[in-house]
PDB file of N, CA and C in Angstrom:
ATOM      1  N   UNK A   1     -92.785  13.281 -90.882  1.00  0.00           N
ATOM      2  CA  UNK A   1     -94.083  12.989 -90.870  1.00  0.00           C
ATOM      3  C   UNK A   1     -94.869  13.617 -89.881  1.00  0.00           C
ATOM      4  N   UNK A   2     -94.267  13.781 -88.772  1.00  0.00           N
ATOM      5  CA  UNK A   2     -95.055  14.216 -87.382  1.00  0.00           C
ATOM      6  C   UNK A   2     -95.768  15.466 -87.695  1.00  0.00           C
ATOM      7  N   UNK A   3     -95.046  16.350 -88.514  1.00  0.00           N
ATOM      8  CA  UNK A   3     -95.454  17.794 -88.954  1.00  0.00           C
ATOM      9  C   UNK A   3     -96.673  17.836 -90.006  1.00  0.00           C
ATOM     10  N   UNK A   4     -96.672  16.634 -90.813  1.00  0.00           N
ATOM     11  CA  UNK A   4     -97.673  16.250 -91.905  1.00  0.00           C
ATOM     12  C   UNK A   4     -98.908  15.829 -90.935  1.00  0.00           C
ATOM     13  N   UNK A   5     -98.613  14.843 -90.077  1.00  0.00           N
ATOM     14  CA  UNK A   5     -99.913  14.450 -89.275  1.00  0.00           C
ATOM     15  C   UNK A   5    -100.487  15.565 -88.268  1.00  0.00           C
ATOM     16  N   UNK A   6     -99.749  16.393 -87.687  1.00  0.00           N
ATOM     17  CA  UNK A   6    -100.147  17.572 -86.934  1.00  0.00           C
ATOM     18  C   UNK A   6    -101.226  18.266 -87.882  1.00  0.00           C
ATOM     19  N   UNK A   7    -100.753  18.770 -88.998  1.00  0.00           N
ATOM     20  CA  UNK A   7    -101.192  19.513 -89.814  1.00  0.00           C
ATOM     21  C   UNK A   7    -102.665  19.115 -90.341  1.00  0.00           C
ATOM     22  N   UNK A   8    -102.725  17.750 -90.377  1.00  0.00           N
ATOM     23  CA  UNK A   8    -103.841  16.903 -90.972  1.00  0.00           C
ATOM     24  C   UNK A   8    -104.688  16.757 -89.751  1.00  0.00           C
ATOM     25  N   UNK A   9    -104.211  16.991 -88.483  1.00  0.00           N
ATOM     26  CA  UNK A   9    -104.965  16.880 -87.374  1.00  0.00           C
ATOM     27  C   UNK A   9    -105.134  15.043 -87.101  1.00  0.00           C
ATOM     28  N   UNK A  10    -104.160  14.572 -87.428  1.00  0.00           N
ATOM     29  CA  UNK A  10    -104.323  13.161 -87.015  1.00  0.00           C
ATOM     30  C   UNK A  10    -103.354  12.534 -86.005  1.00  0.00           C
ATOM     31  N   UNK A  11    -103.861  11.894 -85.084  1.00  0.00           N
ATOM     32  CA  UNK A  11    -103.123  11.457 -83.927  1.00  0.00           C
ATOM     33  C   UNK A  11    -102.921   9.858 -83.950  1.00  0.00           C
ATOM     34  N   UNK A  12    -101.601   9.653 -84.198  1.00  0.00           N
ATOM     35  CA  UNK A  12    -101.417   8.204 -84.299  1.00  0.00           C
ATOM     36  C   UNK A  12    -101.218   7.616 -82.939  1.00  0.00           C
ATOM     37  N   UNK A  13    -101.893   6.540 -82.898  1.00  0.00           N
ATOM     38  CA  UNK A  13    -102.007   5.799 -81.525  1.00  0.00           C
ATOM     39  C   UNK A  13    -101.536   4.167 -82.131  1.00  0.00           C
ATOM     40  N   UNK A  14    -101.572   3.643 -81.085  1.00  0.00           N
ATOM     41  CA  UNK A  14    -101.162   2.138 -81.320  1.00  0.00           C
ATOM     42  C   UNK A  14    -102.263   1.437 -81.905  1.00  0.00           C
ATOM     43  N   UNK A  15    -103.528   1.744 -81.719  1.00  0.00           N
ATOM     44  CA  UNK A  15    -104.723   1.258 -82.292  1.00  0.00           C
ATOM     45  C   UNK A  15    -104.937   1.802 -83.761  1.00  0.00           C
ATOM     46  N   UNK A  16    -104.316   2.739 -84.215  1.00  0.00           N
ATOM     47  CA  UNK A  16    -104.784   3.149 -85.644  1.00  0.00           C
ATOM     48  C   UNK A  16    -103.611   3.364 -86.610  1.00  0.00           C
ATOM     49  N   UNK A  17    -102.362   2.693 -86.104  1.00  0.00           N
ATOM     50  CA  UNK A  17    -101.113   3.025 -86.845  1.00  0.00           C
ATOM     51  C   UNK A  17    -101.184   2.290 -88.085  1.00  0.00           C
ATOM     52  N   UNK A  18    -101.818   1.026 -88.209  1.00  0.00           N
ATOM     53  CA  UNK A  18    -101.968   0.386 -89.396  1.00  0.00           C
ATOM     54  C   UNK A  18    -102.801   0.994 -90.319  1.00  0.00           C
ATOM     55  N   UNK A  19    -104.062   1.530 -89.709  1.00  0.00           N
ATOM     56  CA  UNK A  19    -105.045   2.009 -90.620  1.00  0.00           C
ATOM     57  C   UNK A  19    -104.518   3.195 -91.311  1.00  0.00           C
ATOM     58  N   UNK A  20    -103.651   4.083 -90.516  1.00  0.00           N
ATOM     59  CA  UNK A  20    -103.023   5.235 -90.997  1.00  0.00           C
ATOM     60  C   UNK A  20    -102.189   4.763 -92.144  1.00  0.00           C
ATOM     61  N   UNK A  21    -101.341   3.796 -91.872  1.00  0.00           N
ATOM     62  CA  UNK A  21    -100.263   3.412 -92.809  1.00  0.00           C
ATOM     63  C   UNK A  21    -101.071   2.870 -94.052  1.00  0.00           C
ATOM     64  N   UNK A  22    -102.030   2.141 -94.113  1.00  0.00           N
ATOM     65  CA  UNK A  22    -102.943   1.814 -95.277  1.00  0.00           C
ATOM     66  C   UNK A  22    -103.524   2.999 -96.076  1.00  0.00           C
ATOM     67  N   UNK A  23    -104.059   3.838 -95.173  1.00  0.00           N
ATOM     68  CA  UNK A  23    -104.206   5.313 -95.929  1.00  0.00           C
ATOM     69  C   UNK A  23    -103.246   5.947 -96.746  1.00  0.00           C
ATOM     70  N   UNK A  24    -102.063   5.892 -95.993  1.00  0.00           N
ATOM     71  CA  UNK A  24    -101.070   6.680 -96.605  1.00  0.00           C
ATOM     72  C   UNK A  24    -100.616   5.800 -98.001  1.00  0.00           C
ATOM     73  N   UNK A  25    -100.721   4.557 -98.115  1.00  0.00           N
ATOM     74  CA  UNK A  25    -100.370   3.941 -99.140  1.00  0.00           C
ATOM     75  C   UNK A  25    -101.307   3.962-100.108  1.00  0.00           C
ATOM     76  N   UNK A  26    -102.683   4.010 -99.761  1.00  0.00           N
ATOM     77  CA  UNK A  26    -103.686   4.155-100.773  1.00  0.00           C
ATOM     78  C   UNK A  26    -103.491   5.541-101.567  1.00  0.00           C
ATOM     79  N   UNK A  27    -103.211   6.595-100.651  1.00  0.00           N
ATOM     80  CA  UNK A  27    -103.142   7.966-101.102  1.00  0.00           C
ATOM     81  C   UNK A  27    -101.730   8.092-102.402  1.00  0.00           C
ATOM     82  N   UNK A  28    -100.844   7.458-101.945  1.00  0.00           N
ATOM     83  CA  UNK A  28     -99.528   7.302-103.134  1.00  0.00           C
ATOM     84  C   UNK A  28     -99.835   6.448-103.957  1.00  0.00           C
ATOM     85  N   UNK A  29    -100.669   5.361-104.017  1.00  0.00           N
ATOM     86  CA  UNK A  29    -100.922   4.168-104.805  1.00  0.00           C
ATOM     87  C   UNK A  29     -99.985   3.358-105.020  1.00  0.00           C
ATOM     88  N   UNK A  30     -99.285   2.983-103.895  1.00  0.00           N
ATOM     89  CA  UNK A  30     -98.306   1.805-103.666  1.00  0.00           C
ATOM     90  C   UNK A  30     -98.873   0.696-102.821  1.00  0.00           C
ATOM     91  N   UNK A  31     -98.599  -0.752-103.218  1.00  0.00           N
ATOM     92  CA  UNK A  31     -99.276  -1.908-102.476  1.00  0.00           C
ATOM     93  C   UNK A  31     -99.040  -1.496-101.117  1.00  0.00           C
ATOM     94  N   UNK A  32     -99.819  -1.992-100.148  1.00  0.00           N
ATOM     95  CA  UNK A  32     -99.378  -2.108 -98.647  1.00  0.00           C
ATOM     96  C   UNK A  32     -98.376  -2.896 -98.414  1.00  0.00           C
ATOM     97  N   UNK A  33     -97.454  -2.588 -97.523  1.00  0.00           N
ATOM     98  CA  UNK A  33     -96.085  -3.202 -97.037  1.00  0.00           C
ATOM     99  C   UNK A  33     -95.219  -3.035 -97.947  1.00  0.00           C
ATOM    100  N   UNK A  34     -95.096  -2.311 -98.881  1.00  0.00           N
ATOM    101  CA  UNK A  34     -94.121  -1.816 -99.759  1.00  0.00           C
ATOM    102  C   UNK A  34     -93.416  -0.649 -99.248  1.00  0.00           C
ATOM    103  N   UNK A  35     -92.897  -0.689 -98.014  1.00  0.00           N
ATOM    104  CA  UNK A  35     -92.201   0.740 -97.413  1.00  0.00           C
ATOM    105  C   UNK A  35     -91.415   1.519 -98.261  1.00  0.00           C
ATOM    106  N   UNK A  36     -90.544   0.917 -98.849  1.00  0.00           N
ATOM    107  CA  UNK A  36     -89.441   1.885 -99.368  1.00  0.00           C
ATOM    108  C   UNK A  36     -89.991   2.643-100.461  1.00  0.00           C
ATOM    109  N   UNK A  37     -90.760   1.880-101.371  1.00  0.00           N
ATOM    110  CA  UNK A  37     -91.536   2.541-102.461  1.00  0.00           C
ATOM    111  C   UNK A  37     -92.578   3.614-101.847  1.00  0.00           C
ATOM    112  N   UNK A  38     -93.305   3.327-100.763  1.00  0.00           N
ATOM    113  CA  UNK A  38     -94.277   3.878-100.240  1.00  0.00           C
ATOM    114  C   UNK A  38     -93.691   5.454 -99.851  1.00  0.00           C
ATOM    115  N   UNK A  39     -92.552   5.436 -99.125  1.00  0.00           N
ATOM    116  CA  UNK A  39     -91.776   6.505 -98.597  1.00  0.00           C
ATOM    117  C   UNK A  39     -91.429   7.607 -99.621  1.00  0.00           C
ATOM    118  N   UNK A  40     -90.914   6.848-100.564  1.00  0.00           N
ATOM    119  CA  UNK A  40     -90.245   7.538-101.844  1.00  0.00           C
ATOM    120  C   UNK A  40     -91.640   8.249-102.295  1.00  0.00           C
ATOM    121  N   UNK A  41     -92.619   7.609-102.479  1.00  0.00           N
ATOM    122  CA  UNK A  41     -93.956   8.378-102.922  1.00  0.00           C
ATOM    123  C   UNK A  41     -94.400   9.252-102.209  1.00  0.00           C
ATOM    124  N   UNK A  42     -94.277   9.199-101.064  1.00  0.00           N
ATOM    125  CA  UNK A  42     -94.813  10.273 -99.811  1.00  0.00           C
ATOM    126  C   UNK A  42     -94.086  11.469 -99.956  1.00  0.00           C
ATOM    127  N   UNK A  43     -92.469  11.336-100.194  1.00  0.00           N
ATOM    128  CA  UNK A  43     -91.646  12.380-100.436  1.00  0.00           C
ATOM    129  C   UNK A  43     -91.917  12.925-101.661  1.00  0.00           C
ATOM    130  N   UNK A  44     -92.208  12.449-102.663  1.00  0.00           N
ATOM    131  CA  UNK A  44     -92.589  12.984-104.202  1.00  0.00           C
ATOM    132  C   UNK A  44     -93.677  13.681-104.113  1.00  0.00           C
ATOM    133  N   UNK A  45     -94.977  13.087-103.411  1.00  0.00           N
ATOM    134  CA  UNK A  45     -96.203  13.869-103.269  1.00  0.00           C
ATOM    135  C   UNK A  45     -96.212  15.062-102.371  1.00  0.00           C
ATOM    136  N   UNK A  46     -95.503  15.012-101.267  1.00  0.00           N
ATOM    137  CA  UNK A  46     -95.263  16.095-100.326  1.00  0.00           C
ATOM    138  C   UNK A  46     -94.466  17.142-100.952  1.00  0.00           C
ATOM    139  N   UNK A  47     -93.623  17.020-101.804  1.00  0.00           N
ATOM    140  CA  UNK A  47     -92.769  17.960-102.456  1.00  0.00           C
ATOM    141  C   UNK A  47     -93.603  18.610-103.625  1.00  0.00           C
ATOM    142  N   UNK A  48     -94.341  17.677-104.330  1.00  0.00           N
ATOM    143  CA  UNK A  48     -95.297  18.318-105.583  1.00  0.00           C
ATOM    144  C   UNK A  48     -96.294  19.306-104.771  1.00  0.00           C
ATOM    145  N   UNK A  49     -97.123  18.699-103.846  1.00  0.00           N
ATOM    146  CA  UNK A  49     -98.308  19.370-103.205  1.00  0.00           C
ATOM    147  C   UNK A  49     -98.495  19.002-101.804  1.00  0.00           C
ATOM    148  N   UNK A  50     -97.640  19.759-100.780  1.00  0.00           N
ATOM    149  CA  UNK A  50     -98.107  19.158 -99.519  1.00  0.00           C
ATOM    150  C   UNK A  50     -99.498  19.112 -98.852  1.00  0.00           C
ATOM    151  N   UNK A  51    -100.158  20.437 -99.524  1.00  0.00           N
ATOM    152  CA  UNK A  51    -101.693  20.655 -98.980  1.00  0.00           C
ATOM    153  C   UNK A  51    -102.429  19.842 -99.416  1.00  0.00           C
ATOM    154  N   UNK A  52    -102.431  19.203-100.688  1.00  0.00           N
ATOM    155  CA  UNK A  52    -103.263  18.354-101.222  1.00  0.00           C
ATOM    156  C   UNK A  52    -103.094  16.934-100.414  1.00  0.00           C
ATOM    157  N   UNK A  53    -101.784  16.605-100.019  1.00  0.00           N
ATOM    158  CA  UNK A  53    -101.390  15.214 -99.395  1.00  0.00           C
ATOM    159  C   UNK A  53    -102.100  15.521 -98.018  1.00  0.00           C
ATOM    160  N   UNK A  54    -102.215  16.618 -97.453  1.00  0.00           N
ATOM    161  CA  UNK A  54    -102.398  16.630 -95.993  1.00  0.00           C
ATOM    162  C   UNK A  54    -104.022  16.713 -96.091  1.00  0.00           C
ATOM    163  N   UNK A  55    -104.692  17.313 -97.122  1.00  0.00           N
ATOM    164  CA  UNK A  55    -106.060  17.241 -97.122  1.00  0.00           C
ATOM    165  C   UNK A  55    -106.675  16.066 -97.435  1.00  0.00           C
ATOM    166  N   UNK A  56    -105.977  15.205 -98.155  1.00  0.00           N
ATOM    167  CA  UNK A  56    -106.408  13.923 -98.555  1.00  0.00           C
ATOM    168  C   UNK A  56    -106.276  12.970 -97.421  1.00  0.00           C
ATOM    169  N   UNK A  57    -105.291  12.893 -96.503  1.00  0.00           N
ATOM    170  CA  UNK A  57    -104.909  12.409 -95.218  1.00  0.00           C
ATOM    171  C   UNK A  57    -106.145  12.633 -94.152  1.00  0.00           C
ATOM    172  N   UNK A  58    -106.298  14.036 -94.263  1.00  0.00           N
ATOM    173  CA  UNK A  58    -107.578  14.375 -93.360  1.00  0.00           C
ATOM    174  C   UNK A  58    -108.683  14.176 -93.646  1.00  0.00           C
ATOM    175  N   UNK A  59    -109.014  13.777 -94.955  1.00  0.00           N
ATOM    176  CA  UNK A  59    -110.279  13.439 -95.237  1.00  0.00           C
ATOM    177  C   UNK A  59    -110.765  11.875 -94.990  1.00  0.00           C
ATOM    178  N   UNK A  60    -110.008  11.160 -94.515  1.00  0.00           N
ATOM    179  CA  UNK A  60    -110.189   9.726 -94.139  1.00  0.00           C
ATOM    180  C   UNK A  60    -110.960   9.827 -92.726  1.00  0.00           C
ATOM    181  N   UNK A  61    -111.987   9.561 -92.838  1.00  0.00           N
ATOM    182  CA  UNK A  61    -112.621   9.537 -91.393  1.00  0.00           C
ATOM    183  C   UNK A  61    -112.462   8.368 -90.486  1.00  0.00           C
ATOM    184  N   UNK A  62    -111.918   7.351 -91.113  1.00  0.00           N
ATOM    185  CA  UNK A  62    -111.596   5.976 -90.029  1.00  0.00           C
ATOM    186  C   UNK A  62    -110.467   6.325 -89.526  1.00  0.00           C
ATOM    187  N   UNK A  63    -109.604   7.208 -89.526  1.00  0.00           N
ATOM    188  CA  UNK A  63    -108.289   7.303 -88.711  1.00  0.00           C
ATOM    189  C   UNK A  63    -108.646   8.383 -87.743  1.00  0.00           C
ATOM    190  N   UNK A  64    -108.229   8.247 -86.309  1.00  0.00           N
ATOM    191  CA  UNK A  64    -108.499   9.240 -85.159  1.00  0.00           C
ATOM    192  C   UNK A  64    -107.828  10.697 -85.704  1.00  0.00           C
ATOM    193  N   UNK A  65    -108.629  11.633 -84.971  1.00  0.00           N
ATOM    194  CA  UNK A  65    -108.032  12.813 -85.325  1.00  0.00           C
ATOM    195  C   UNK A  65    -108.137  13.530 -83.810  1.00  0.00           C
ATOM    196  N   UNK A  66    -107.587  14.765 -83.666  1.00  0.00           N
ATOM    197  CA  UNK A  66    -107.644  15.563 -82.565  1.00  0.00           C
ATOM    198  C   UNK A  66    -108.993  15.908 -82.072  1.00  0.00           C
TER     199      UNK A  66
END
């Protein structure tokens, strides 16, 4: 995921970690805190269209960026 965050321009900090996690859950449509289901969905989304996933992650202004 580090590569994905770098491509999206997202900096993970102690302060924004939960916000980023919620954004990822929202992108893949999985209820927050369901980690195994979320990461399966993330892997599938990245395999399907990595660029679209990164663009969606990038579009969330509430998370810190470079």
